[in-house]
C-alpha atoms as a PDB file:
ATOM      1  CA  MET A   1       0.000   0.000   0.000  1.00  0.00           C
ATOM      2  CA  THR A   2       1.250   3.479  -0.775  1.00  0.00           C
ATOM      3  CA  THR A   3       1.410   6.582   1.345  1.00  0.00           C
ATOM      4  CA  GLY A   4       2.236   8.900  -1.576  1.00  0.00           C
ATOM      5  CA  LEU A   5       5.264   9.818  -3.632  1.00  0.00           C
ATOM      6  CA  PHE A   6       8.358  10.857  -1.757  1.00  0.00           C
ATOM      7  CA  ILE A   7      11.274  12.680  -3.270  1.00  0.00           C
ATOM      8  CA  ARG A   8      14.367  10.812  -2.183  1.00  0.00           C
ATOM      9  CA  SER A   9      18.016  10.650  -3.048  1.00  0.00           C
ATOM     10  CA  TYR A  10      19.233   7.817  -5.255  1.00  0.00           C
ATOM     11  CA  PRO A  11      20.808   5.358  -4.970  1.00  0.00           C
ATOM     12  CA  ALA A  12      19.080   4.600  -1.681  1.00  0.00           C
ATOM     13  CA  PRO A  13      21.056   5.222   1.509  1.00  0.00           C
ATOM     14  CA  GLY A  14      23.395   2.302   2.138  1.00  0.00           C
ATOM     15  CA  ALA A  15      23.041   0.957  -1.420  1.00  0.00           C
ATOM     16  CA  GLN A  16      25.926   0.906  -3.827  1.00  0.00           C
ATOM     17  CA  ALA A  17      25.569   0.730  -7.602  1.00  0.00           C
ATOM     18  CA  ILE A  18      27.487  -2.179  -9.053  1.00  0.00           C
ATOM     19  CA  PRO A  19      27.817  -1.833 -12.840  1.00  0.00           C
ATOM     20  CA  VAL A  20      25.884  -4.590 -14.581  1.00  0.00           C
ATOM     21  CA  THR A  21      24.024  -5.073 -17.863  1.00  0.00           C
ATOM     22  CA  TYR A  22      20.890  -7.191 -18.234  1.00  0.00           C
ATOM     23  CA  ASN A  23      19.370  -8.553 -21.420  1.00  0.00           C
ATOM     24  CA  ALA A  24      15.918 -10.070 -21.917  1.00  0.00           C
ATOM     25  CA  GLY A  25      15.231 -13.078 -19.720  1.00  0.00           C
ATOM     26  CA  VAL A  26      13.813 -16.496 -20.544  1.00  0.00           C
ATOM     27  CA  TYR A  27      10.284 -15.478 -19.519  1.00  0.00           C
ATOM     28  CA  ALA A  28      10.351 -12.623 -22.070  1.00  0.00           C
ATOM     29  CA  TYR A  29      11.240 -15.038 -24.867  1.00  0.00           C
ATOM     30  CA  PHE A  30       8.515 -17.419 -23.706  1.00  0.00           C
ATOM     31  CA  VAL A  31       5.782 -14.753 -23.610  1.00  0.00           C
ATOM     32  CA  VAL A  32       6.731 -12.953 -26.827  1.00  0.00           C
ATOM     33  CA  CYS A  33       7.452 -16.027 -28.945  1.00  0.00           C
ATOM     34  CA  LEU A  34       4.840 -18.478 -27.658  1.00  0.00           C
ATOM     35  CA  PHE A  35       1.988 -17.572 -30.032  1.00  0.00           C
ATOM     36  CA  PRO A  36       4.095 -17.267 -33.234  1.00  0.00           C
ATOM     37  CA  VAL A  37       5.926 -20.547 -32.545  1.00  0.00           C
ATOM     38  CA  ALA A  38       2.726 -22.443 -31.678  1.00  0.00           C
ATOM     39  CA  SER A  39       1.002 -21.070 -34.788  1.00  0.00           C
ATOM     40  CA  THR A  40       3.965 -21.979 -36.974  1.00  0.00           C
ATOM     41  CA  CYS A  41       3.925 -25.547 -35.629  1.00  0.00           C
ATOM     42  CA  ALA A  42       0.204 -25.833 -36.359  1.00  0.00           C
ATOM     43  CA  LEU A  43       0.663 -24.587 -39.932  1.00  0.00           C
ATOM     44  CA  VAL A  44       3.641 -26.874 -40.553  1.00  0.00           C
ATOM     45  CA  ALA A  45       1.538 -29.801 -39.318  1.00  0.00           C
ATOM     46  CA  ALA A  46      -1.257 -28.707 -41.697  1.00  0.00           C
ATOM     47  CA  MET A  47       1.198 -28.806 -44.625  1.00  0.00           C
ATOM     48  CA  PHE A  48       1.769 -32.530 -44.062  1.00  0.00           C
ATOM     49  CA  GLU A  49      -1.902 -33.451 -44.112  1.00  0.00           C
ATOM     50  CA  PRO A  50      -3.000 -35.136 -47.320  1.00  0.00           C
ATOM     51  CA  GLY A  51      -5.238 -33.292 -49.730  1.00  0.00           C
ATOM     52  CA  ARG A  52      -5.355 -29.848 -51.196  1.00  0.00           C
ATOM     53  CA  LYS A  53      -3.711 -27.059 -49.188  1.00  0.00           C
ATOM     54  CA  PRO A  54      -5.331 -23.617 -48.788  1.00  0.00           C
ATOM     55  CA  SER A  55      -3.652 -20.867 -50.809  1.00  0.00           C
ATOM     56  CA  TRP A  56      -2.975 -18.790 -47.706  1.00  0.00           C
ATOM     57  CA  LEU A  57      -0.957 -21.501 -45.930  1.00  0.00           C
ATOM     58  CA  ILE A  58       2.499 -20.679 -47.333  1.00  0.00           C
ATOM     59  CA  PRO A  59       2.159 -16.853 -46.998  1.00  0.00           C
ATOM     60  CA  ALA A  60       0.889 -17.315 -43.406  1.00  0.00           C
ATOM     61  CA  LEU A  61       3.855 -19.542 -42.625  1.00  0.00           C
ATOM     62  CA  VAL A  62       6.274 -16.957 -44.041  1.00  0.00           C
ATOM     63  CA  ILE A  63       4.635 -14.192 -41.985  1.00  0.00           C
ATOM     64  CA  LEU A  64       4.834 -16.248 -38.799  1.00  0.00           C
ATOM     65  CA  ILE A  65       8.488 -17.133 -39.363  1.00  0.00           C
ATOM     66  CA  LEU A  66       9.229 -13.448 -40.005  1.00  0.00           C
ATOM     67  CA  THR A  67       7.324 -12.566 -36.810  1.00  0.00           C
ATOM     68  CA  ILE A  68       9.444 -14.998 -34.790  1.00  0.00           C
ATOM     69  CA  PHE A  69      12.612 -13.552 -36.309  1.00  0.00           C
ATOM     70  CA  LEU A  70      11.558  -9.947 -35.514  1.00  0.00           C
ATOM     71  CA  ALA A  71      10.470 -10.892 -31.985  1.00  0.00           C
ATOM     72  CA  VAL A  72      13.848 -12.447 -31.260  1.00  0.00           C
ATOM     73  CA  LEU A  73      15.633  -9.393 -32.704  1.00  0.00           C
ATOM     74  CA  PHE A  74      13.486  -7.132 -30.503  1.00  0.00           C
ATOM     75  CA  LEU A  75      14.254  -9.156 -27.393  1.00  0.00           C
ATOM     76  CA  ARG A  76      17.972  -9.291 -28.159  1.00  0.00           C
ATOM     77  CA  ALA A  77      17.989  -5.477 -28.356  1.00  0.00           C
ATOM     78  CA  LEU A  78      16.389  -5.029 -24.910  1.00  0.00           C
ATOM     79  CA  ARG A  79      18.988  -3.848 -22.457  1.00  0.00           C
ATOM     80  CA  LEU A  80      19.002  -2.570 -18.892  1.00  0.00           C
ATOM     81  CA  GLU A  81      22.262  -1.059 -17.694  1.00  0.00           C
ATOM     82  CA  ILE A  82      23.006  -0.108 -14.132  1.00  0.00           C
ATOM     83  CA  SER A  83      26.142   1.959 -13.733  1.00  0.00           C
ATOM     84  CA  ARG A  84      27.782   3.906 -10.939  1.00  0.00           C
ATOM     85  CA  ASP A  85      26.295   7.088 -12.463  1.00  0.00           C
ATOM     86  CA  GLY A  86      22.736   6.035 -13.333  1.00  0.00           C
ATOM     87  CA  ILE A  87      20.365   3.694 -15.123  1.00  0.00           C
ATOM     88  CA  SER A  88      19.869   3.216 -18.848  1.00  0.00           C
ATOM     89  CA  TYR A  89      17.126   1.271 -20.647  1.00  0.00           C
ATOM     90  CA  SER A  90      17.216   0.438 -24.357  1.00  0.00           C
ATOM     91  CA  ASN A  91      14.575  -1.035 -26.609  1.00  0.00           C
ATOM     92  CA  PRO A  92      14.376  -0.975 -30.413  1.00  0.00           C
ATOM     93  CA  LEU A  93      11.161   1.074 -30.517  1.00  0.00           C
ATOM     94  CA  ARG A  94      12.124   3.962 -28.230  1.00  0.00           C
ATOM     95  CA  GLY A  95      15.895   3.820 -28.366  1.00  0.00           C
ATOM     96  CA  THR A  96      18.018   4.373 -25.286  1.00  0.00           C
ATOM     97  CA  ARG A  97      16.847   6.440 -22.344  1.00  0.00           C
ATOM     98  CA  SER A  98      18.924   7.079 -19.305  1.00  0.00           C
ATOM     99  CA  LEU A  99      18.858   8.975 -16.043  1.00  0.00           C
ATOM    100  CA  THR A 100      21.652   9.718 -13.616  1.00  0.00           C
ATOM    101  CA  TYR A 101      20.899   9.200  -9.944  1.00  0.00           C
ATOM    102  CA  PRO A 102      20.786  12.947  -9.121  1.00  0.00           C
ATOM    103  CA  GLU A 103      18.231  13.421 -11.955  1.00  0.00           C
ATOM    104  CA  MET A 104      15.776  10.980 -10.322  1.00  0.00           C
ATOM    105  CA  SER A 105      12.867  12.492  -8.430  1.00  0.00           C
ATOM    106  CA  SER A 106      10.863   9.382  -7.511  1.00  0.00           C
ATOM    107  CA  VAL A 107      10.853   5.662  -8.188  1.00  0.00           C
ATOM    108  CA  VAL A 108       7.746   3.476  -8.100  1.00  0.00           C
ATOM    109  CA  LEU A 109       7.457  -0.256  -8.675  1.00  0.00           C
ATOM    110  CA  ILE A 110       4.080  -1.270 -10.113  1.00  0.00           C
ATOM    111  CA  ASP A 111       3.182  -4.808  -9.081  1.00  0.00           C
ATOM    112  CA  TYR A 112       0.774  -6.442 -11.556  1.00  0.00           C
ATOM    113  CA  ARG A 113       0.697  -9.859  -9.898  1.00  0.00           C
ATOM    114  CA  HIS A 114      -2.755  -9.228  -8.399  1.00  0.00           C
ATOM    115  CA  GLU A 115      -4.175  -7.600 -11.539  1.00  0.00           C
ATOM    116  CA  GLY A 116      -7.375  -9.182 -12.767  1.00  0.00           C
ATOM    117  CA  ASN A 117      -7.808 -11.433  -9.753  1.00  0.00           C
ATOM    118  CA  GLY A 118     -11.499 -12.093  -9.713  1.00  0.00           C
ATOM    119  CA  PRO A 119     -13.593 -14.587  -7.794  1.00  0.00           C
ATOM    120  CA  ALA A 120     -11.624 -17.428  -9.357  1.00  0.00           C
ATOM    121  CA  GLY A 121      -8.328 -15.875  -8.236  1.00  0.00           C
ATOM    122  CA  ILE A 122      -6.814 -16.215 -11.708  1.00  0.00           C
ATOM    123  CA  ASN A 123      -4.064 -13.774 -12.651  1.00  0.00           C
ATOM    124  CA  ARG A 124      -4.824 -12.693 -16.220  1.00  0.00           C
ATOM    125  CA  SER A 125      -1.719 -10.552 -16.661  1.00  0.00           C
ATOM    126  CA  LEU A 126       1.481 -11.832 -18.258  1.00  0.00           C
ATOM    127  CA  ARG A 127       3.472  -8.951 -16.803  1.00  0.00           C
ATOM    128  CA  THR A 128       4.589  -8.901 -13.194  1.00  0.00           C
ATOM    129  CA  TRP A 129       6.486  -5.667 -12.533  1.00  0.00           C
ATOM    130  CA  THR A 130       7.245  -2.310 -14.132  1.00  0.00           C
ATOM    131  CA  ILE A 131       9.534   0.218 -12.513  1.00  0.00           C
ATOM    132  CA  VAL A 132       8.714   3.873 -13.214  1.00  0.00           C
ATOM    133  CA  ILE A 133      11.482   6.400 -12.619  1.00  0.00           C
ATOM    134  CA  THR A 134      10.335  10.004 -12.694  1.00  0.00           C
ATOM    135  CA  PRO A 135      13.072  12.558 -13.401  1.00  0.00           C
ATOM    136  CA  ASN A 136      13.329  16.000 -11.839  1.00  0.00           C
ATOM    137  CA  VAL A 137      11.250  18.479 -13.846  1.00  0.00           C
ATOM    138  CA  GLU A 138      14.331  20.617 -14.606  1.00  0.00           C
ATOM    139  CA  THR A 139      15.905  17.837 -16.660  1.00  0.00           C
ATOM    140  CA  GLY A 140      13.165  17.916 -19.303  1.00  0.00           C
ATOM    141  CA  LYS A 141      13.610  14.168 -19.718  1.00  0.00           C
ATOM    142  CA  PRO A 142      10.651  11.787 -20.065  1.00  0.00           C
ATOM    143  CA  THR A 143       9.687   9.269 -17.408  1.00  0.00           C
ATOM    144  CA  LEU A 144      11.677   6.054 -17.632  1.00  0.00           C
ATOM    145  CA  LYS A 145       9.399   2.986 -17.625  1.00  0.00           C
ATOM    146  CA  ILE A 146      11.227  -0.321 -17.425  1.00  0.00           C
ATOM    147  CA  PRO A 147       9.197  -3.538 -17.844  1.00  0.00           C
ATOM    148  CA  LEU A 148      11.069  -5.693 -15.338  1.00  0.00           C
ATOM    149  CA  THR A 149       9.000  -8.695 -16.436  1.00  0.00           C
ATOM    150  CA  MET A 150      11.171  -8.814 -19.557  1.00  0.00           C
ATOM    151  CA  PHE A 151      14.417  -9.123 -17.599  1.00  0.00           C
ATOM    152  CA  PRO A 152      15.837 -11.828 -15.330  1.00  0.00           C
ATOM    153  CA  ARG A 153      14.741 -11.817 -11.697  1.00  0.00           C
ATOM    154  CA  SER A 154      18.252 -10.669 -10.724  1.00  0.00           C
ATOM    155  CA  ALA A 155      17.560  -7.305 -12.436  1.00  0.00           C
ATOM    156  CA  TYR A 156      14.440  -6.893 -10.302  1.00  0.00           C
ATOM    157  CA  ASN A 157      16.389  -7.751  -7.144  1.00  0.00           C
ATOM    158  CA  GLU A 158      19.233  -5.380  -8.012  1.00  0.00           C
ATOM    159  CA  LEU A 159      16.932  -2.418  -8.706  1.00  0.00           C
ATOM    160  CA  LEU A 160      14.964  -3.027  -5.506  1.00  0.00           C
ATOM    161  CA  LEU A 161      18.138  -2.995  -3.434  1.00  0.00           C
ATOM    162  CA  LEU A 162      19.573  -0.001  -5.262  1.00  0.00           C
ATOM    163  CA  LEU A 163      16.526   2.277  -5.491  1.00  0.00           C
ATOM    164  CA  LYS A 164      14.181   0.965  -2.757  1.00  0.00           C
ATOM    165  CA  PRO A 165      11.104   2.032  -4.749  1.00  0.00           C
ATOM    166  CA  GLU A 166       7.659   2.583  -3.357  1.00  0.00           C
ATOM    167  CA  VAL A 167       5.480  -0.387  -4.376  1.00  0.00           C
ATOM    168  CA  TRP A 168       2.061   0.168  -5.908  1.00  0.00           C
ATOM    169  CA  GLU A 169      -0.232  -2.785  -6.514  1.00  0.00           C
ATOM    170  CA  SER A 170      -2.182  -2.670  -9.742  1.00  0.00           C
ATOM    171  CA  ASP A 171      -5.774  -3.743  -9.422  1.00  0.00           C
ATOM    172  CA  ALA A 172      -6.866  -2.766 -12.929  1.00  0.00           C
ATOM    173  CA  PRO A 173      -8.808  -5.422 -14.840  1.00  0.00           C
END
């Protein structure tokens, strides 16, 4: 539960930034590639069935294989860098964004693990955590949103120790 945003100094008192770089984790590959790979397998199986094949089968297969290729390229380009000076996040759609520790105004960790829990208690969200780093207004830099779900659990642990963010639970459907 939150008590409001606090402006703090970063890294958190007693924490020391150890330079490390994280790339996309196994879970990210699983989530992003699951549907294209499963669909490709189904279409390949359909190619081996006897009888006439639909005209869209080969183009659909090519599109799915291209989708898998692009998804893997996207995931390979994801990068989270923690340095002694600040944090940098890179993805192929938005490029690289970085903030130094003195530029940080507030840090919030959004916990999606309870999102969508209804009477059945089923978590309908594939994401688990996003860290939102708000810069000081004077910097003119945009907010840095890092989908920690896409990175190994060690990245989550490192950022929690380093920044000690306020945790907000998402209860959106």
